[in-house]
PDB file of N, CA and C in Angstrom:
ATOM      1  N   UNK A   1       6.285  97.356  64.112  1.00  0.00           N
ATOM      2  CA  UNK A   1       7.586  97.138  63.814  1.00  0.00           C
ATOM      3  C   UNK A   1       8.188  97.281  61.917  1.00  0.00           C
ATOM      4  N   UNK A   2       8.217  97.899  61.283  1.00  0.00           N
ATOM      5  CA  UNK A   2       8.457  97.597  59.676  1.00  0.00           C
ATOM      6  C   UNK A   2       9.664  96.875  59.767  1.00  0.00           C
ATOM      7  N   UNK A   3       9.868  95.922  58.698  1.00  0.00           N
ATOM      8  CA  UNK A   3      10.663  95.031  58.824  1.00  0.00           C
ATOM      9  C   UNK A   3      11.806  95.480  57.524  1.00  0.00           C
ATOM     10  N   UNK A   4      12.889  95.280  57.063  1.00  0.00           N
ATOM     11  CA  UNK A   4      13.872  95.580  56.234  1.00  0.00           C
ATOM     12  C   UNK A   4      13.779  94.664  55.456  1.00  0.00           C
ATOM     13  N   UNK A   5      14.839  95.143  54.592  1.00  0.00           N
ATOM     14  CA  UNK A   5      15.061  94.008  53.430  1.00  0.00           C
ATOM     15  C   UNK A   5      16.021  92.946  53.474  1.00  0.00           C
ATOM     16  N   UNK A   6      16.865  93.084  54.930  1.00  0.00           N
ATOM     17  CA  UNK A   6      17.760  91.863  55.243  1.00  0.00           C
ATOM     18  C   UNK A   6      16.913  90.996  56.199  1.00  0.00           C
ATOM     19  N   UNK A   7      15.500  91.824  56.561  1.00  0.00           N
ATOM     20  CA  UNK A   7      14.751  90.902  57.491  1.00  0.00           C
ATOM     21  C   UNK A   7      14.110  90.147  56.480  1.00  0.00           C
ATOM     22  N   UNK A   8      13.866  90.151  55.103  1.00  0.00           N
ATOM     23  CA  UNK A   8      13.541  89.558  54.533  1.00  0.00           C
ATOM     24  C   UNK A   8      14.046  88.276  53.597  1.00  0.00           C
ATOM     25  N   UNK A   9      15.521  88.989  53.133  1.00  0.00           N
ATOM     26  CA  UNK A   9      16.070  88.422  52.958  1.00  0.00           C
ATOM     27  C   UNK A   9      16.314  86.880  53.981  1.00  0.00           C
ATOM     28  N   UNK A  10      16.444  86.928  54.768  1.00  0.00           N
ATOM     29  CA  UNK A  10      16.881  85.973  55.941  1.00  0.00           C
ATOM     30  C   UNK A  10      15.798  85.114  55.718  1.00  0.00           C
ATOM     31  N   UNK A  11      14.123  85.542  55.923  1.00  0.00           N
ATOM     32  CA  UNK A  11      13.343  84.715  55.650  1.00  0.00           C
ATOM     33  C   UNK A  11      13.314  83.981  54.787  1.00  0.00           C
ATOM     34  N   UNK A  12      13.427  84.107  53.625  1.00  0.00           N
ATOM     35  CA  UNK A  12      13.799  83.381  52.282  1.00  0.00           C
ATOM     36  C   UNK A  12      14.805  82.144  52.821  1.00  0.00           C
ATOM     37  N   UNK A  13      16.043  83.094  52.977  1.00  0.00           N
ATOM     38  CA  UNK A  13      17.433  81.688  53.434  1.00  0.00           C
ATOM     39  C   UNK A  13      16.553  81.055  53.941  1.00  0.00           C
ATOM     40  N   UNK A  14      16.283  81.064  55.455  1.00  0.00           N
ATOM     41  CA  UNK A  14      15.654  80.444  56.359  1.00  0.00           C
ATOM     42  C   UNK A  14      14.432  78.828  55.453  1.00  0.00           C
ATOM     43  N   UNK A  15      13.506  79.400  54.911  1.00  0.00           N
ATOM     44  CA  UNK A  15      12.835  78.716  53.552  1.00  0.00           C
ATOM     45  C   UNK A  15      14.177  77.499  53.014  1.00  0.00           C
ATOM     46  N   UNK A  16      14.602  78.023  52.344  1.00  0.00           N
ATOM     47  CA  UNK A  16      15.252  77.694  51.667  1.00  0.00           C
ATOM     48  C   UNK A  16      16.507  76.493  51.990  1.00  0.00           C
ATOM     49  N   UNK A  17      16.674  76.929  53.737  1.00  0.00           N
ATOM     50  CA  UNK A  17      17.606  75.903  54.103  1.00  0.00           C
ATOM     51  C   UNK A  17      16.267  74.820  54.891  1.00  0.00           C
ATOM     52  N   UNK A  18      15.092  75.673  55.049  1.00  0.00           N
ATOM     53  CA  UNK A  18      14.639  74.252  56.044  1.00  0.00           C
ATOM     54  C   UNK A  18      13.970  73.206  54.740  1.00  0.00           C
ATOM     55  N   UNK A  19      13.997  73.616  54.173  1.00  0.00           N
ATOM     56  CA  UNK A  19      13.493  72.885  52.241  1.00  0.00           C
ATOM     57  C   UNK A  19      14.653  71.801  52.154  1.00  0.00           C
ATOM     58  N   UNK A  20      16.263  72.399  52.014  1.00  0.00           N
ATOM     59  CA  UNK A  20      17.535  71.423  51.818  1.00  0.00           C
ATOM     60  C   UNK A  20      16.944  70.711  53.160  1.00  0.00           C
ATOM     61  N   UNK A  21      16.820  70.893  54.382  1.00  0.00           N
ATOM     62  CA  UNK A  21      17.149  69.860  55.821  1.00  0.00           C
ATOM     63  C   UNK A  21      16.067  69.095  55.323  1.00  0.00           C
ATOM     64  N   UNK A  22      14.965  69.118  54.850  1.00  0.00           N
ATOM     65  CA  UNK A  22      13.806  67.939  54.639  1.00  0.00           C
ATOM     66  C   UNK A  22      14.227  67.163  53.351  1.00  0.00           C
ATOM     67  N   UNK A  23      14.881  67.816  52.084  1.00  0.00           N
ATOM     68  CA  UNK A  23      15.786  66.360  50.964  1.00  0.00           C
ATOM     69  C   UNK A  23      16.285  66.149  51.484  1.00  0.00           C
ATOM     70  N   UNK A  24      17.727  66.829  51.661  1.00  0.00           N
ATOM     71  CA  UNK A  24      19.365  66.380  51.905  1.00  0.00           C
ATOM     72  C   UNK A  24      19.580  66.585  53.294  1.00  0.00           C
ATOM     73  N   UNK A  25      19.642  66.346  54.215  1.00  0.00           N
ATOM     74  CA  UNK A  25      19.715  66.748  55.590  1.00  0.00           C
ATOM     75  C   UNK A  25      20.986  66.937  55.859  1.00  0.00           C
ATOM     76  N   UNK A  26      21.800  65.731  55.562  1.00  0.00           N
ATOM     77  CA  UNK A  26      23.217  65.631  55.299  1.00  0.00           C
ATOM     78  C   UNK A  26      24.063  66.753  55.031  1.00  0.00           C
ATOM     79  N   UNK A  27      23.747  67.105  53.476  1.00  0.00           N
ATOM     80  CA  UNK A  27      24.218  68.243  52.748  1.00  0.00           C
ATOM     81  C   UNK A  27      23.610  69.472  53.486  1.00  0.00           C
ATOM     82  N   UNK A  28      22.419  69.769  54.400  1.00  0.00           N
ATOM     83  CA  UNK A  28      22.590  70.711  55.121  1.00  0.00           C
ATOM     84  C   UNK A  28      22.937  71.162  56.046  1.00  0.00           C
ATOM     85  N   UNK A  29      23.796  69.679  56.843  1.00  0.00           N
ATOM     86  CA  UNK A  29      24.513  69.708  57.954  1.00  0.00           C
ATOM     87  C   UNK A  29      25.428  70.657  57.581  1.00  0.00           C
ATOM     88  N   UNK A  30      25.958  69.856  56.446  1.00  0.00           N
ATOM     89  CA  UNK A  30      27.432  70.510  55.677  1.00  0.00           C
ATOM     90  C   UNK A  30      27.852  72.206  55.831  1.00  0.00           C
ATOM     91  N   UNK A  31      26.774  72.618  54.692  1.00  0.00           N
ATOM     92  CA  UNK A  31      26.356  74.077  55.054  1.00  0.00           C
ATOM     93  C   UNK A  31      26.234  74.929  55.623  1.00  0.00           C
ATOM     94  N   UNK A  32      25.040  74.883  57.252  1.00  0.00           N
ATOM     95  CA  UNK A  32      25.254  74.945  58.290  1.00  0.00           C
ATOM     96  C   UNK A  32      26.407  75.123  58.837  1.00  0.00           C
ATOM     97  N   UNK A  33      27.596  73.969  58.775  1.00  0.00           N
ATOM     98  CA  UNK A  33      28.521  74.179  59.643  1.00  0.00           C
ATOM     99  C   UNK A  33      29.505  75.280  58.935  1.00  0.00           C
ATOM    100  N   UNK A  34      29.330  75.478  57.381  1.00  0.00           N
ATOM    101  CA  UNK A  34      29.679  76.923  57.012  1.00  0.00           C
ATOM    102  C   UNK A  34      29.839  77.928  57.127  1.00  0.00           C
ATOM    103  N   UNK A  35      28.159  77.866  57.199  1.00  0.00           N
ATOM    104  CA  UNK A  35      27.528  79.196  58.050  1.00  0.00           C
ATOM    105  C   UNK A  35      27.699  79.469  58.898  1.00  0.00           C
ATOM    106  N   UNK A  36      28.367  78.680  60.234  1.00  0.00           N
ATOM    107  CA  UNK A  36      28.870  78.868  61.607  1.00  0.00           C
ATOM    108  C   UNK A  36      30.364  79.612  61.377  1.00  0.00           C
ATOM    109  N   UNK A  37      31.087  78.651  60.600  1.00  0.00           N
ATOM    110  CA  UNK A  37      32.125  79.350  60.923  1.00  0.00           C
ATOM    111  C   UNK A  37      32.844  80.356  60.155  1.00  0.00           C
ATOM    112  N   UNK A  38      31.841  80.744  59.779  1.00  0.00           N
ATOM    113  CA  UNK A  38      31.373  82.137  59.002  1.00  0.00           C
ATOM    114  C   UNK A  38      30.610  83.383  60.140  1.00  0.00           C
ATOM    115  N   UNK A  39      30.348  82.604  60.646  1.00  0.00           N
ATOM    116  CA  UNK A  39      29.661  83.863  61.765  1.00  0.00           C
ATOM    117  C   UNK A  39      27.790  83.956  61.616  1.00  0.00           C
ATOM    118  N   UNK A  40      27.537  83.155  60.503  1.00  0.00           N
ATOM    119  CA  UNK A  40      26.023  83.804  60.931  1.00  0.00           C
ATOM    120  C   UNK A  40      25.481  82.453  60.745  1.00  0.00           C
ATOM    121  N   UNK A  41      25.453  82.815  62.802  1.00  0.00           N
ATOM    122  CA  UNK A  41      24.637  81.349  63.280  1.00  0.00           C
ATOM    123  C   UNK A  41      23.324  81.554  63.048  1.00  0.00           C
ATOM    124  N   UNK A  42      22.606  82.426  62.468  1.00  0.00           N
ATOM    125  CA  UNK A  42      21.111  83.069  62.601  1.00  0.00           C
ATOM    126  C   UNK A  42      20.853  81.946  61.273  1.00  0.00           C
ATOM    127  N   UNK A  43      22.059  81.327  60.514  1.00  0.00           N
ATOM    128  CA  UNK A  43      21.038  80.400  59.185  1.00  0.00           C
ATOM    129  C   UNK A  43      21.467  79.178  59.976  1.00  0.00           C
ATOM    130  N   UNK A  44      21.736  78.790  60.956  1.00  0.00           N
ATOM    131  CA  UNK A  44      21.908  77.355  61.282  1.00  0.00           C
ATOM    132  C   UNK A  44      21.436  76.958  62.686  1.00  0.00           C
ATOM    133  N   UNK A  45      20.022  77.417  62.947  1.00  0.00           N
ATOM    134  CA  UNK A  45      19.642  76.582  64.297  1.00  0.00           C
ATOM    135  C   UNK A  45      20.203  75.424  64.826  1.00  0.00           C
ATOM    136  N   UNK A  46      20.537  76.071  66.055  1.00  0.00           N
ATOM    137  CA  UNK A  46      20.994  74.800  67.054  1.00  0.00           C
ATOM    138  C   UNK A  46      19.994  73.860  67.787  1.00  0.00           C
ATOM    139  N   UNK A  47      19.769  72.650  67.495  1.00  0.00           N
ATOM    140  CA  UNK A  47      18.645  71.963  68.334  1.00  0.00           C
ATOM    141  C   UNK A  47      18.930  71.390  69.692  1.00  0.00           C
ATOM    142  N   UNK A  48      18.666  72.116  70.759  1.00  0.00           N
ATOM    143  CA  UNK A  48      18.462  71.667  71.750  1.00  0.00           C
ATOM    144  C   UNK A  48      17.881  70.688  72.858  1.00  0.00           C
ATOM    145  N   UNK A  49      17.805  70.380  73.444  1.00  0.00           N
ATOM    146  CA  UNK A  49      17.154  69.242  74.107  1.00  0.00           C
ATOM    147  C   UNK A  49      15.925  69.973  74.853  1.00  0.00           C
ATOM    148  N   UNK A  50      15.452  69.246  75.381  1.00  0.00           N
ATOM    149  CA  UNK A  50      14.002  69.846  76.194  1.00  0.00           C
ATOM    150  C   UNK A  50      14.293  70.548  76.912  1.00  0.00           C
ATOM    151  N   UNK A  51      15.318  69.724  78.042  1.00  0.00           N
ATOM    152  CA  UNK A  51      15.463  70.209  79.322  1.00  0.00           C
ATOM    153  C   UNK A  51      16.408  71.537  79.060  1.00  0.00           C
ATOM    154  N   UNK A  52      17.039  71.716  78.469  1.00  0.00           N
ATOM    155  CA  UNK A  52      18.091  73.480  77.887  1.00  0.00           C
ATOM    156  C   UNK A  52      17.144  74.300  77.673  1.00  0.00           C
ATOM    157  N   UNK A  53      16.344  73.392  76.429  1.00  0.00           N
ATOM    158  CA  UNK A  53      15.465  75.016  76.100  1.00  0.00           C
ATOM    159  C   UNK A  53      14.510  75.579  77.531  1.00  0.00           C
ATOM    160  N   UNK A  54      13.743  74.265  78.221  1.00  0.00           N
ATOM    161  CA  UNK A  54      12.997  75.097  79.600  1.00  0.00           C
ATOM    162  C   UNK A  54      13.930  76.134  80.070  1.00  0.00           C
ATOM    163  N   UNK A  55      15.180  75.658  80.847  1.00  0.00           N
ATOM    164  CA  UNK A  55      16.329  76.641  81.386  1.00  0.00           C
ATOM    165  C   UNK A  55      16.400  77.892  80.565  1.00  0.00           C
ATOM    166  N   UNK A  56      17.121  77.535  79.725  1.00  0.00           N
ATOM    167  CA  UNK A  56      17.074  78.503  78.045  1.00  0.00           C
ATOM    168  C   UNK A  56      15.933  80.138  78.410  1.00  0.00           C
ATOM    169  N   UNK A  57      14.903  79.137  78.751  1.00  0.00           N
ATOM    170  CA  UNK A  57      13.591  80.207  78.071  1.00  0.00           C
ATOM    171  C   UNK A  57      13.083  81.124  79.207  1.00  0.00           C
ATOM    172  N   UNK A  58      13.612  80.518  80.935  1.00  0.00           N
ATOM    173  CA  UNK A  58      14.092  81.392  81.576  1.00  0.00           C
ATOM    174  C   UNK A  58      15.074  82.496  82.346  1.00  0.00           C
ATOM    175  N   UNK A  59      15.833  82.415  81.365  1.00  0.00           N
ATOM    176  CA  UNK A  59      17.308  83.270  81.639  1.00  0.00           C
ATOM    177  C   UNK A  59      17.129  84.528  81.336  1.00  0.00           C
ATOM    178  N   UNK A  60      17.851  85.181  82.084  1.00  0.00           N
ATOM    179  CA  UNK A  60      18.052  86.601  81.370  1.00  0.00           C
ATOM    180  C   UNK A  60      19.636  86.577  81.000  1.00  0.00           C
ATOM    181  N   UNK A  61      19.899  87.142  79.876  1.00  0.00           N
ATOM    182  CA  UNK A  61      21.026  87.193  79.709  1.00  0.00           C
ATOM    183  C   UNK A  61      21.640  88.628  78.750  1.00  0.00           C
ATOM    184  N   UNK A  62      22.479  88.987  78.451  1.00  0.00           N
ATOM    185  CA  UNK A  62      22.699  89.985  77.660  1.00  0.00           C
ATOM    186  C   UNK A  62      22.710  90.030  75.962  1.00  0.00           C
ATOM    187  N   UNK A  63      22.726  90.782  75.278  1.00  0.00           N
ATOM    188  CA  UNK A  63      21.793  90.447  73.726  1.00  0.00           C
ATOM    189  C   UNK A  63      23.075  89.893  73.111  1.00  0.00           C
ATOM    190  N   UNK A  64      24.601  89.948  73.847  1.00  0.00           N
ATOM    191  CA  UNK A  64      25.188  89.251  73.078  1.00  0.00           C
ATOM    192  C   UNK A  64      25.421  87.961  73.254  1.00  0.00           C
ATOM    193  N   UNK A  65      25.206  87.155  74.435  1.00  0.00           N
ATOM    194  CA  UNK A  65      24.574  86.110  74.833  1.00  0.00           C
ATOM    195  C   UNK A  65      23.595  85.299  74.373  1.00  0.00           C
ATOM    196  N   UNK A  66      22.535  85.805  73.973  1.00  0.00           N
ATOM    197  CA  UNK A  66      21.732  85.527  72.988  1.00  0.00           C
ATOM    198  C   UNK A  66      21.890  85.306  71.464  1.00  0.00           C
ATOM    199  N   UNK A  67      22.612  86.468  71.203  1.00  0.00           N
ATOM    200  CA  UNK A  67      23.073  86.072  69.816  1.00  0.00           C
ATOM    201  C   UNK A  67      24.250  84.735  69.641  1.00  0.00           C
ATOM    202  N   UNK A  68      24.575  84.657  70.670  1.00  0.00           N
ATOM    203  CA  UNK A  68      25.821  83.238  70.469  1.00  0.00           C
ATOM    204  C   UNK A  68      24.995  82.020  70.681  1.00  0.00           C
ATOM    205  N   UNK A  69      23.853  82.537  71.619  1.00  0.00           N
ATOM    206  CA  UNK A  69      22.805  81.352  71.871  1.00  0.00           C
ATOM    207  C   UNK A  69      21.858  80.850  70.851  1.00  0.00           C
ATOM    208  N   UNK A  70      21.421  81.491  70.381  1.00  0.00           N
ATOM    209  CA  UNK A  70      19.908  81.020  69.587  1.00  0.00           C
ATOM    210  C   UNK A  70      20.083  82.118  67.938  1.00  0.00           C
ATOM    211  N   UNK A  71      21.253  82.870  68.204  1.00  0.00           N
ATOM    212  CA  UNK A  71      21.387  83.082  66.745  1.00  0.00           C
ATOM    213  C   UNK A  71      20.487  84.685  66.214  1.00  0.00           C
ATOM    214  N   UNK A  72      20.097  85.410  67.241  1.00  0.00           N
ATOM    215  CA  UNK A  72      19.501  86.283  67.164  1.00  0.00           C
ATOM    216  C   UNK A  72      20.185  87.773  67.371  1.00  0.00           C
ATOM    217  N   UNK A  73      20.504  88.775  66.354  1.00  0.00           N
ATOM    218  CA  UNK A  73      22.263  89.258  66.676  1.00  0.00           C
ATOM    219  C   UNK A  73      21.570  90.611  67.423  1.00  0.00           C
ATOM    220  N   UNK A  74      22.375  90.543  68.022  1.00  0.00           N
ATOM    221  CA  UNK A  74      22.632  91.509  69.468  1.00  0.00           C
ATOM    222  C   UNK A  74      21.920  92.952  68.825  1.00  0.00           C
ATOM    223  N   UNK A  75      22.342  93.404  67.830  1.00  0.00           N
ATOM    224  CA  UNK A  75      21.750  94.879  66.918  1.00  0.00           C
ATOM    225  C   UNK A  75      20.427  94.838  67.186  1.00  0.00           C
ATOM    226  N   UNK A  76      19.933  93.607  67.029  1.00  0.00           N
ATOM    227  CA  UNK A  76      18.720  93.942  66.291  1.00  0.00           C
ATOM    228  C   UNK A  76      17.851  93.239  68.288  1.00  0.00           C
ATOM    229  N   UNK A  77      18.282  92.803  68.838  1.00  0.00           N
ATOM    230  CA  UNK A  77      17.534  93.103  70.679  1.00  0.00           C
ATOM    231  C   UNK A  77      18.236  94.381  71.273  1.00  0.00           C
ATOM    232  N   UNK A  78      19.514  94.936  70.980  1.00  0.00           N
ATOM    233  CA  UNK A  78      19.275  96.600  71.484  1.00  0.00           C
ATOM    234  C   UNK A  78      18.428  97.567  70.813  1.00  0.00           C
ATOM    235  N   UNK A  79      18.056  96.804  69.384  1.00  0.00           N
ATOM    236  CA  UNK A  79      17.319  98.063  68.687  1.00  0.00           C
ATOM    237  C   UNK A  79      15.691  97.936  69.909  1.00  0.00           C
ATOM    238  N   UNK A  80      15.221  96.396  69.429  1.00  0.00           N
ATOM    239  CA  UNK A  80      14.183  96.020  70.742  1.00  0.00           C
ATOM    240  C   UNK A  80      13.936  97.025  71.769  1.00  0.00           C
ATOM    241  N   UNK A  81      15.029  96.614  72.925  1.00  0.00           N
ATOM    242  CA  UNK A  81      15.187  97.479  73.955  1.00  0.00           C
ATOM    243  C   UNK A  81      14.599  99.061  73.701  1.00  0.00           C
ATOM    244  N   UNK A  82      15.862  99.439  72.599  1.00  0.00           N
ATOM    245  CA  UNK A  82      15.694 100.925  72.508  1.00  0.00           C
ATOM    246  C   UNK A  82      14.069 101.198  72.032  1.00  0.00           C
ATOM    247  N   UNK A  83      13.455 100.623  71.495  1.00  0.00           N
ATOM    248  CA  UNK A  83      12.127 100.669  70.876  1.00  0.00           C
ATOM    249  C   UNK A  83      10.958 100.622  72.001  1.00  0.00           C
ATOM    250  N   UNK A  84      11.562  99.721  73.181  1.00  0.00           N
ATOM    251  CA  UNK A  84      10.486  99.569  73.659  1.00  0.00           C
ATOM    252  C   UNK A  84      10.186  98.053  73.581  1.00  0.00           C
ATOM    253  N   UNK A  85      10.279  97.971  72.293  1.00  0.00           N
ATOM    254  CA  UNK A  85       9.288  96.196  72.226  1.00  0.00           C
ATOM    255  C   UNK A  85       9.668  94.749  73.255  1.00  0.00           C
ATOM    256  N   UNK A  86      11.196  95.104  73.988  1.00  0.00           N
ATOM    257  CA  UNK A  86      11.208  94.029  75.017  1.00  0.00           C
ATOM    258  C   UNK A  86      12.498  95.368  76.067  1.00  0.00           C
ATOM    259  N   UNK A  87      11.467  94.303  77.456  1.00  0.00           N
ATOM    260  CA  UNK A  87      12.143  94.956  78.362  1.00  0.00           C
ATOM    261  C   UNK A  87      13.605  95.043  78.895  1.00  0.00           C
ATOM    262  N   UNK A  88      14.686  95.877  79.064  1.00  0.00           N
ATOM    263  CA  UNK A  88      15.703  95.794  79.835  1.00  0.00           C
ATOM    264  C   UNK A  88      15.581  95.108  81.096  1.00  0.00           C
ATOM    265  N   UNK A  89      16.513  94.607  81.304  1.00  0.00           N
ATOM    266  CA  UNK A  89      16.077  94.071  82.819  1.00  0.00           C
ATOM    267  C   UNK A  89      17.464  94.131  83.310  1.00  0.00           C
ATOM    268  N   UNK A  90      18.815  94.917  82.481  1.00  0.00           N
ATOM    269  CA  UNK A  90      20.094  95.399  83.088  1.00  0.00           C
ATOM    270  C   UNK A  90      20.472  96.473  83.699  1.00  0.00           C
ATOM    271  N   UNK A  91      21.772  96.951  83.372  1.00  0.00           N
ATOM    272  CA  UNK A  91      21.988  98.454  83.820  1.00  0.00           C
ATOM    273  C   UNK A  91      22.256  99.340  83.323  1.00  0.00           C
ATOM    274  N   UNK A  92      21.887 100.090  83.096  1.00  0.00           N
ATOM    275  CA  UNK A  92      22.135 100.901  81.841  1.00  0.00           C
ATOM    276  C   UNK A  92      23.649 101.000  81.185  1.00  0.00           C
ATOM    277  N   UNK A  93      23.496 100.807  80.493  1.00  0.00           N
ATOM    278  CA  UNK A  93      25.069 100.252  79.213  1.00  0.00           C
ATOM    279  C   UNK A  93      25.183  98.735  79.264  1.00  0.00           C
ATOM    280  N   UNK A  94      24.450  97.786  79.820  1.00  0.00           N
ATOM    281  CA  UNK A  94      25.065  96.894  79.914  1.00  0.00           C
ATOM    282  C   UNK A  94      23.746  96.174  79.643  1.00  0.00           C
ATOM    283  N   UNK A  95      22.728  96.122  78.952  1.00  0.00           N
ATOM    284  CA  UNK A  95      21.212  95.458  78.724  1.00  0.00           C
ATOM    285  C   UNK A  95      22.034  94.148  78.590  1.00  0.00           C
ATOM    286  N   UNK A  96      20.515  93.430  79.742  1.00  0.00           N
ATOM    287  CA  UNK A  96      20.193  92.292  79.899  1.00  0.00           C
ATOM    288  C   UNK A  96      18.680  91.758  79.605  1.00  0.00           C
ATOM    289  N   UNK A  97      18.227  90.771  78.975  1.00  0.00           N
ATOM    290  CA  UNK A  97      16.498  90.687  78.802  1.00  0.00           C
ATOM    291  C   UNK A  97      16.381  89.174  78.671  1.00  0.00           C
ATOM    292  N   UNK A  98      15.150  89.175  78.751  1.00  0.00           N
ATOM    293  CA  UNK A  98      14.616  87.645  78.888  1.00  0.00           C
ATOM    294  C   UNK A  98      14.422  86.969  77.955  1.00  0.00           C
ATOM    295  N   UNK A  99      15.144  85.728  77.887  1.00  0.00           N
ATOM    296  CA  UNK A  99      15.092  85.330  76.301  1.00  0.00           C
ATOM    297  C   UNK A  99      14.018  84.672  75.675  1.00  0.00           C
ATOM    298  N   UNK A 100      12.840  84.361  76.905  1.00  0.00           N
ATOM    299  CA  UNK A 100      11.121  84.337  76.235  1.00  0.00           C
ATOM    300  C   UNK A 100      10.786  85.427  75.734  1.00  0.00           C
ATOM    301  N   UNK A 101      11.386  87.039  75.957  1.00  0.00           N
ATOM    302  CA  UNK A 101      10.508  87.808  75.728  1.00  0.00           C
ATOM    303  C   UNK A 101      11.453  88.147  74.062  1.00  0.00           C
ATOM    304  N   UNK A 102      12.455  87.770  74.090  1.00  0.00           N
ATOM    305  CA  UNK A 102      13.211  87.913  72.967  1.00  0.00           C
ATOM    306  C   UNK A 102      12.573  86.978  72.099  1.00  0.00           C
ATOM    307  N   UNK A 103      12.162  86.169  72.227  1.00  0.00           N
ATOM    308  CA  UNK A 103      12.251  85.101  70.914  1.00  0.00           C
ATOM    309  C   UNK A 103       9.705  85.303  70.972  1.00  0.00           C
ATOM    310  N   UNK A 104       9.550  85.914  71.819  1.00  0.00           N
ATOM    311  CA  UNK A 104       8.056  86.276  71.856  1.00  0.00           C
ATOM    312  C   UNK A 104       8.247  87.714  70.692  1.00  0.00           C
ATOM    313  N   UNK A 105       8.933  88.847  70.981  1.00  0.00           N
ATOM    314  CA  UNK A 105       9.103  89.074  70.021  1.00  0.00           C
ATOM    315  C   UNK A 105       9.270  89.323  68.506  1.00  0.00           C
ATOM    316  N   UNK A 106      10.459  88.060  68.537  1.00  0.00           N
ATOM    317  CA  UNK A 106      11.027  87.528  67.149  1.00  0.00           C
ATOM    318  C   UNK A 106      10.197  86.762  66.626  1.00  0.00           C
ATOM    319  N   UNK A 107       9.226  86.516  67.047  1.00  0.00           N
ATOM    320  CA  UNK A 107       8.065  85.719  66.577  1.00  0.00           C
ATOM    321  C   UNK A 107       6.615  86.540  66.165  1.00  0.00           C
ATOM    322  N   UNK A 108       6.444  87.187  67.126  1.00  0.00           N
ATOM    323  CA  UNK A 108       5.809  88.971  66.244  1.00  0.00           C
ATOM    324  C   UNK A 108       6.365  89.922  65.193  1.00  0.00           C
ATOM    325  N   UNK A 109       7.379  89.864  65.617  1.00  0.00           N
ATOM    326  CA  UNK A 109       8.249  90.508  63.830  1.00  0.00           C
ATOM    327  C   UNK A 109       7.691  89.943  62.653  1.00  0.00           C
ATOM    328  N   UNK A 110       8.126  88.230  62.875  1.00  0.00           N
ATOM    329  CA  UNK A 110       7.756  87.198  61.562  1.00  0.00           C
ATOM    330  C   UNK A 110       6.478  87.381  61.160  1.00  0.00           C
ATOM    331  N   UNK A 111       5.388  87.335  62.512  1.00  0.00           N
ATOM    332  CA  UNK A 111       3.564  87.540  61.637  1.00  0.00           C
ATOM    333  C   UNK A 111       3.644  88.823  61.306  1.00  0.00           C
ATOM    334  N   UNK A 112       4.387  89.546  61.410  1.00  0.00           N
ATOM    335  CA  UNK A 112       4.274  90.837  60.969  1.00  0.00           C
ATOM    336  C   UNK A 112       5.054  91.044  58.951  1.00  0.00           C
ATOM    337  N   UNK A 113       5.308  89.781  58.994  1.00  0.00           N
ATOM    338  CA  UNK A 113       5.805  89.834  57.192  1.00  0.00           C
ATOM    339  C   UNK A 113       4.595  88.825  57.155  1.00  0.00           C
TER     340      UNK A 113
END
């Protein structure tokens, strides 16, 4: 899978965010809140309790629900469905996918970088 300039920019932004988190966690939290308010949820990850994370891994959700929950853009998920990267488990026109499959695809996508 070919990566876009936007994918590269997001990876770099995540590196900066993770560095800021290590150095100044309070300031990072403030900037994360600004990112969330501006709809950039991908930039501000949400920490989940272990039980919630385990339940989420087994969930089958719409691309929009996954975007709201873990920040991977719905458009990216739809593109992965169309390319056969992940399996659509919903009806035609109403895609639903496994959260675990989406996270695995995201992981493969990052390793390709």
